[in-house]
PDB file of N, CA and C in Angstrom:
ATOM      1  N   MET A   1     128.566 134.376 166.204  1.00  0.00           N
ATOM      2  CA  MET A   1     127.111 134.706 166.370  1.00  0.00           C
ATOM      3  C   MET A   1     126.265 135.288 165.526  1.00  0.00           C
ATOM      4  N   ASN A   2     126.652 135.986 165.071  1.00  0.00           N
ATOM      5  CA  ASN A   2     125.444 136.531 163.727  1.00  0.00           C
ATOM      6  C   ASN A   2     125.614 135.518 162.621  1.00  0.00           C
ATOM      7  N   ASN A   3     126.509 134.714 161.977  1.00  0.00           N
ATOM      8  CA  ASN A   3     126.300 133.413 161.420  1.00  0.00           C
ATOM      9  C   ASN A   3     125.095 132.544 161.756  1.00  0.00           C
ATOM     10  N   LYS A   4     125.048 132.213 163.311  1.00  0.00           N
ATOM     11  CA  LYS A   4     124.440 131.175 163.360  1.00  0.00           C
ATOM     12  C   LYS A   4     123.303 131.510 163.819  1.00  0.00           C
ATOM     13  N   GLN A   5     122.606 132.576 163.647  1.00  0.00           N
ATOM     14  CA  GLN A   5     121.459 133.831 163.583  1.00  0.00           C
ATOM     15  C   GLN A   5     121.029 133.546 162.466  1.00  0.00           C
ATOM     16  N   GLU A   6     121.730 134.201 161.503  1.00  0.00           N
ATOM     17  CA  GLU A   6     121.518 133.929 159.735  1.00  0.00           C
ATOM     18  C   GLU A   6     120.970 132.126 159.757  1.00  0.00           C
ATOM     19  N   LEU A   7     121.771 131.655 160.069  1.00  0.00           N
ATOM     20  CA  LEU A   7     121.447 130.624 159.908  1.00  0.00           C
ATOM     21  C   LEU A   7     119.980 129.874 160.044  1.00  0.00           C
ATOM     22  N   ALA A   8     120.279 129.700 161.124  1.00  0.00           N
ATOM     23  CA  ALA A   8     119.073 129.650 162.459  1.00  0.00           C
ATOM     24  C   ALA A   8     117.801 129.572 161.478  1.00  0.00           C
ATOM     25  N   ALA A   9     117.926 131.801 161.377  1.00  0.00           N
ATOM     26  CA  ALA A   9     116.828 132.247 160.234  1.00  0.00           C
ATOM     27  C   ALA A   9     116.332 131.562 158.695  1.00  0.00           C
ATOM     28  N   ILE A  10     117.640 131.024 158.398  1.00  0.00           N
ATOM     29  CA  ILE A  10     116.956 130.501 156.966  1.00  0.00           C
ATOM     30  C   ILE A  10     116.153 129.104 157.106  1.00  0.00           C
ATOM     31  N   SER A  11     117.032 128.299 158.156  1.00  0.00           N
ATOM     32  CA  SER A  11     116.537 127.021 158.084  1.00  0.00           C
ATOM     33  C   SER A  11     115.136 127.274 158.299  1.00  0.00           C
ATOM     34  N   ALA A  12     114.803 128.163 159.695  1.00  0.00           N
ATOM     35  CA  ALA A  12     113.260 127.900 160.372  1.00  0.00           C
ATOM     36  C   ALA A  12     112.592 128.451 159.015  1.00  0.00           C
ATOM     37  N   VAL A  13     112.599 129.525 158.207  1.00  0.00           N
ATOM     38  CA  VAL A  13     112.006 129.866 156.478  1.00  0.00           C
ATOM     39  C   VAL A  13     111.920 128.521 156.117  1.00  0.00           C
ATOM     40  N   ILE A  14     112.524 127.956 155.758  1.00  0.00           N
ATOM     41  CA  ILE A  14     112.555 126.530 155.318  1.00  0.00           C
ATOM     42  C   ILE A  14     111.636 125.898 155.613  1.00  0.00           C
ATOM     43  N   ALA A  15     111.650 125.694 157.005  1.00  0.00           N
ATOM     44  CA  ALA A  15     110.937 124.749 157.791  1.00  0.00           C
ATOM     45  C   ALA A  15     109.496 124.960 157.669  1.00  0.00           C
ATOM     46  N   LEU A  16     109.673 126.123 157.450  1.00  0.00           N
ATOM     47  CA  LEU A  16     108.111 126.944 157.092  1.00  0.00           C
ATOM     48  C   LEU A  16     107.398 126.695 155.774  1.00  0.00           C
ATOM     49  N   ILE A  17     108.543 126.853 154.914  1.00  0.00           N
ATOM     50  CA  ILE A  17     108.090 126.390 153.427  1.00  0.00           C
ATOM     51  C   ILE A  17     107.642 125.240 153.260  1.00  0.00           C
ATOM     52  N   THR A  18     108.223 124.406 153.570  1.00  0.00           N
ATOM     53  CA  THR A  18     108.299 122.829 153.180  1.00  0.00           C
ATOM     54  C   THR A  18     106.818 122.103 154.156  1.00  0.00           C
ATOM     55  N   ALA A  19     106.879 122.839 155.166  1.00  0.00           N
ATOM     56  CA  ALA A  19     104.910 122.631 156.032  1.00  0.00           C
ATOM     57  C   ALA A  19     104.311 123.047 155.057  1.00  0.00           C
ATOM     58  N   GLU A  20     104.176 123.907 154.875  1.00  0.00           N
ATOM     59  CA  GLU A  20     103.052 124.485 153.739  1.00  0.00           C
ATOM     60  C   GLU A  20     103.017 124.014 152.580  1.00  0.00           C
ATOM     61  N   SER A  21     103.917 123.470 151.570  1.00  0.00           N
ATOM     62  CA  SER A  21     103.609 123.080 150.733  1.00  0.00           C
ATOM     63  C   SER A  21     103.090 121.331 151.317  1.00  0.00           C
ATOM     64  N   SER A  22     103.604 120.724 152.191  1.00  0.00           N
ATOM     65  CA  SER A  22     103.187 118.997 152.351  1.00  0.00           C
ATOM     66  C   SER A  22     101.797 119.254 153.004  1.00  0.00           C
ATOM     67  N   ALA A  23     101.228 120.382 153.557  1.00  0.00           N
ATOM     68  CA  ALA A  23      99.833 120.242 154.559  1.00  0.00           C
ATOM     69  C   ALA A  23      98.516 120.737 153.305  1.00  0.00           C
ATOM     70  N   ALA A  24      97.503 119.621 153.786  1.00  0.00           N
ATOM     71  CA  ALA A  24      96.415 119.635 152.715  1.00  0.00           C
ATOM     72  C   ALA A  24      95.539 120.761 152.337  1.00  0.00           C
ATOM     73  N   GLN A  25      95.249 120.650 150.985  1.00  0.00           N
ATOM     74  CA  GLN A  25      94.902 121.838 150.961  1.00  0.00           C
ATOM     75  C   GLN A  25      93.157 122.013 150.436  1.00  0.00           C
ATOM     76  N   TYR A  26      92.935 122.767 150.715  1.00  0.00           N
ATOM     77  CA  TYR A  26      91.559 122.750 151.478  1.00  0.00           C
ATOM     78  C   TYR A  26      90.410 123.250 149.477  1.00  0.00           C
ATOM     79  N   GLN A  27      89.959 122.111 149.301  1.00  0.00           N
ATOM     80  CA  GLN A  27      89.269 122.547 147.876  1.00  0.00           C
ATOM     81  C   GLN A  27      87.731 122.694 147.791  1.00  0.00           C
ATOM     82  N   ALA A  28      87.203 124.104 147.755  1.00  0.00           N
ATOM     83  CA  ALA A  28      85.406 124.346 147.567  1.00  0.00           C
ATOM     84  C   ALA A  28      85.187 123.501 146.740  1.00  0.00           C
ATOM     85  N   PRO A  29      83.715 122.962 147.190  1.00  0.00           N
ATOM     86  CA  PRO A  29      83.227 122.140 146.228  1.00  0.00           C
ATOM     87  C   PRO A  29      82.266 123.141 145.116  1.00  0.00           C
ATOM     88  N   LYS A  30      82.532 122.214 143.636  1.00  0.00           N
ATOM     89  CA  LYS A  30      82.304 123.003 143.001  1.00  0.00           C
ATOM     90  C   LYS A  30      80.619 123.633 142.989  1.00  0.00           C
ATOM     91  N   PRO A  31      80.514 124.520 142.394  1.00  0.00           N
ATOM     92  CA  PRO A  31      79.159 125.573 142.182  1.00  0.00           C
ATOM     93  C   PRO A  31      78.123 124.592 142.122  1.00  0.00           C
ATOM     94  N   GLY A  32      77.303 124.714 141.716  1.00  0.00           N
ATOM     95  CA  GLY A  32      75.848 124.011 141.123  1.00  0.00           C
ATOM     96  C   GLY A  32      75.884 122.595 141.863  1.00  0.00           C
ATOM     97  N   THR A  33      76.981 122.107 142.866  1.00  0.00           N
ATOM     98  CA  THR A  33      76.343 120.396 143.455  1.00  0.00           C
ATOM     99  C   THR A  33      76.187 120.848 144.601  1.00  0.00           C
ATOM    100  N   PRO A  34      74.842 120.049 145.247  1.00  0.00           N
ATOM    101  CA  PRO A  34      74.508 120.435 146.517  1.00  0.00           C
ATOM    102  C   PRO A  34      75.887 119.408 147.512  1.00  0.00           C
ATOM    103  N   SER A  35      76.028 119.459 148.456  1.00  0.00           N
ATOM    104  CA  SER A  35      76.995 118.802 149.211  1.00  0.00           C
ATOM    105  C   SER A  35      75.943 117.621 149.735  1.00  0.00           C
ATOM    106  N   HIS A  36      74.777 117.443 150.078  1.00  0.00           N
ATOM    107  CA  HIS A  36      74.384 116.363 150.819  1.00  0.00           C
ATOM    108  C   HIS A  36      72.556 116.861 150.399  1.00  0.00           C
ATOM    109  N   PRO A  37      72.102 116.358 149.627  1.00  0.00           N
ATOM    110  CA  PRO A  37      70.511 116.391 149.685  1.00  0.00           C
ATOM    111  C   PRO A  37      69.608 116.938 150.749  1.00  0.00           C
ATOM    112  N   TYR A  38      70.192 116.444 152.092  1.00  0.00           N
ATOM    113  CA  TYR A  38      69.295 116.622 153.209  1.00  0.00           C
ATOM    114  C   TYR A  38      70.206 118.454 153.045  1.00  0.00           C
ATOM    115  N   ALA A  39      70.979 118.652 153.226  1.00  0.00           N
ATOM    116  CA  ALA A  39      71.637 119.932 153.210  1.00  0.00           C
ATOM    117  C   ALA A  39      71.146 121.200 152.156  1.00  0.00           C
ATOM    118  N   ALA A  40      70.976 120.436 151.230  1.00  0.00           N
ATOM    119  CA  ALA A  40      70.309 121.454 150.189  1.00  0.00           C
ATOM    120  C   ALA A  40      68.541 121.623 150.399  1.00  0.00           C
ATOM    121  N   TYR A  41      67.849 120.857 151.491  1.00  0.00           N
ATOM    122  CA  TYR A  41      66.585 120.728 151.288  1.00  0.00           C
ATOM    123  C   TYR A  41      66.091 122.023 152.753  1.00  0.00           C
ATOM    124  N   GLY A  42      67.646 121.937 153.593  1.00  0.00           N
ATOM    125  CA  GLY A  42      67.588 122.306 154.406  1.00  0.00           C
ATOM    126  C   GLY A  42      67.540 123.959 153.969  1.00  0.00           C
ATOM    127  N   ARG A  43      68.349 124.429 153.477  1.00  0.00           N
ATOM    128  CA  ARG A  43      68.686 125.859 152.661  1.00  0.00           C
ATOM    129  C   ARG A  43      67.402 126.183 152.058  1.00  0.00           C
ATOM    130  N   GLN A  44      67.148 125.058 151.087  1.00  0.00           N
ATOM    131  CA  GLN A  44      65.564 125.434 150.382  1.00  0.00           C
ATOM    132  C   GLN A  44      64.662 126.469 151.138  1.00  0.00           C
ATOM    133  N   THR A  45      64.213 125.095 152.318  1.00  0.00           N
ATOM    134  CA  THR A  45      63.215 125.238 153.347  1.00  0.00           C
ATOM    135  C   THR A  45      63.274 126.658 154.190  1.00  0.00           C
ATOM    136  N   THR A  46      64.205 127.202 154.800  1.00  0.00           N
ATOM    137  CA  THR A  46      65.023 127.935 155.557  1.00  0.00           C
ATOM    138  C   THR A  46      64.872 129.093 154.393  1.00  0.00           C
ATOM    139  N   MET A  47      65.025 129.332 153.065  1.00  0.00           N
ATOM    140  CA  MET A  47      65.112 130.338 152.521  1.00  0.00           C
ATOM    141  C   MET A  47      63.401 130.528 152.198  1.00  0.00           C
ATOM    142  N   GLN A  48      62.418 129.583 152.318  1.00  0.00           N
ATOM    143  CA  GLN A  48      61.113 129.561 151.718  1.00  0.00           C
ATOM    144  C   GLN A  48      60.534 130.171 153.137  1.00  0.00           C
ATOM    145  N   TYR A  49      60.889 130.013 154.574  1.00  0.00           N
ATOM    146  CA  TYR A  49      60.346 130.598 156.029  1.00  0.00           C
ATOM    147  C   TYR A  49      60.884 131.710 155.555  1.00  0.00           C
ATOM    148  N   ARG A  50      61.944 132.560 156.032  1.00  0.00           N
ATOM    149  CA  ARG A  50      62.304 134.026 155.296  1.00  0.00           C
ATOM    150  C   ARG A  50      62.060 134.508 154.781  1.00  0.00           C
ATOM    151  N   ASP A  51      61.347 133.617 153.032  1.00  0.00           N
ATOM    152  CA  ASP A  51      60.539 134.931 152.535  1.00  0.00           C
ATOM    153  C   ASP A  51      59.122 135.122 153.323  1.00  0.00           C
ATOM    154  N   ILE A  52      58.443 133.853 153.278  1.00  0.00           N
ATOM    155  CA  ILE A  52      57.048 133.752 153.789  1.00  0.00           C
ATOM    156  C   ILE A  52      56.826 134.519 155.571  1.00  0.00           C
ATOM    157  N   THR A  53      58.004 134.907 156.160  1.00  0.00           N
ATOM    158  CA  THR A  53      58.573 135.784 157.108  1.00  0.00           C
ATOM    159  C   THR A  53      58.215 136.920 156.766  1.00  0.00           C
ATOM    160  N   GLN A  54      58.660 137.730 155.414  1.00  0.00           N
ATOM    161  CA  GLN A  54      59.123 138.980 155.587  1.00  0.00           C
ATOM    162  C   GLN A  54      58.024 139.476 154.912  1.00  0.00           C
ATOM    163  N   ARG A  55      57.338 138.553 154.071  1.00  0.00           N
ATOM    164  CA  ARG A  55      56.353 138.834 153.309  1.00  0.00           C
ATOM    165  C   ARG A  55      54.874 139.004 154.194  1.00  0.00           C
ATOM    166  N   ARG A  56      54.607 138.696 155.490  1.00  0.00           N
ATOM    167  CA  ARG A  56      54.444 138.677 156.575  1.00  0.00           C
ATOM    168  C   ARG A  56      54.316 139.966 157.154  1.00  0.00           C
ATOM    169  N   ILE A  57      55.435 140.426 156.950  1.00  0.00           N
ATOM    170  CA  ILE A  57      55.638 141.749 158.288  1.00  0.00           C
ATOM    171  C   ILE A  57      55.460 142.432 157.247  1.00  0.00           C
ATOM    172  N   ILE A  58      55.711 142.482 156.155  1.00  0.00           N
ATOM    173  CA  ILE A  58      55.684 143.705 155.040  1.00  0.00           C
ATOM    174  C   ILE A  58      53.914 143.856 155.145  1.00  0.00           C
ATOM    175  N   LYS A  59      53.257 142.855 154.941  1.00  0.00           N
ATOM    176  CA  LYS A  59      51.861 143.328 154.858  1.00  0.00           C
ATOM    177  C   LYS A  59      50.909 143.844 155.946  1.00  0.00           C
ATOM    178  N   ARG A  60      51.708 143.597 157.262  1.00  0.00           N
ATOM    179  CA  ARG A  60      51.516 144.182 158.803  1.00  0.00           C
ATOM    180  C   ARG A  60      51.616 145.152 158.934  1.00  0.00           C
ATOM    181  N   ASN A  61      52.843 145.980 158.191  1.00  0.00           N
ATOM    182  CA  ASN A  61      53.055 147.504 158.183  1.00  0.00           C
ATOM    183  C   ASN A  61      52.479 147.968 157.427  1.00  0.00           C
ATOM    184  N   ARG A  62      51.942 147.834 156.437  1.00  0.00           N
ATOM    185  CA  ARG A  62      51.380 148.520 155.627  1.00  0.00           C
ATOM    186  C   ARG A  62      49.596 148.922 155.674  1.00  0.00           C
TER     187      ARG A  62
END
């Protein structure tokens, strides 16, 4: 009985290792290259609006 459990555990580990190696790996995009021009424009616009809003809030509090 113990031999069957060891064999099942070993086969489960081997199956897990082979499944991980055959799965598609995620590759992050290279830094400095935007994924899409519209996405880069949206991020830039959002940061500009945040900056404008924060400056307005700072001016009101002073």
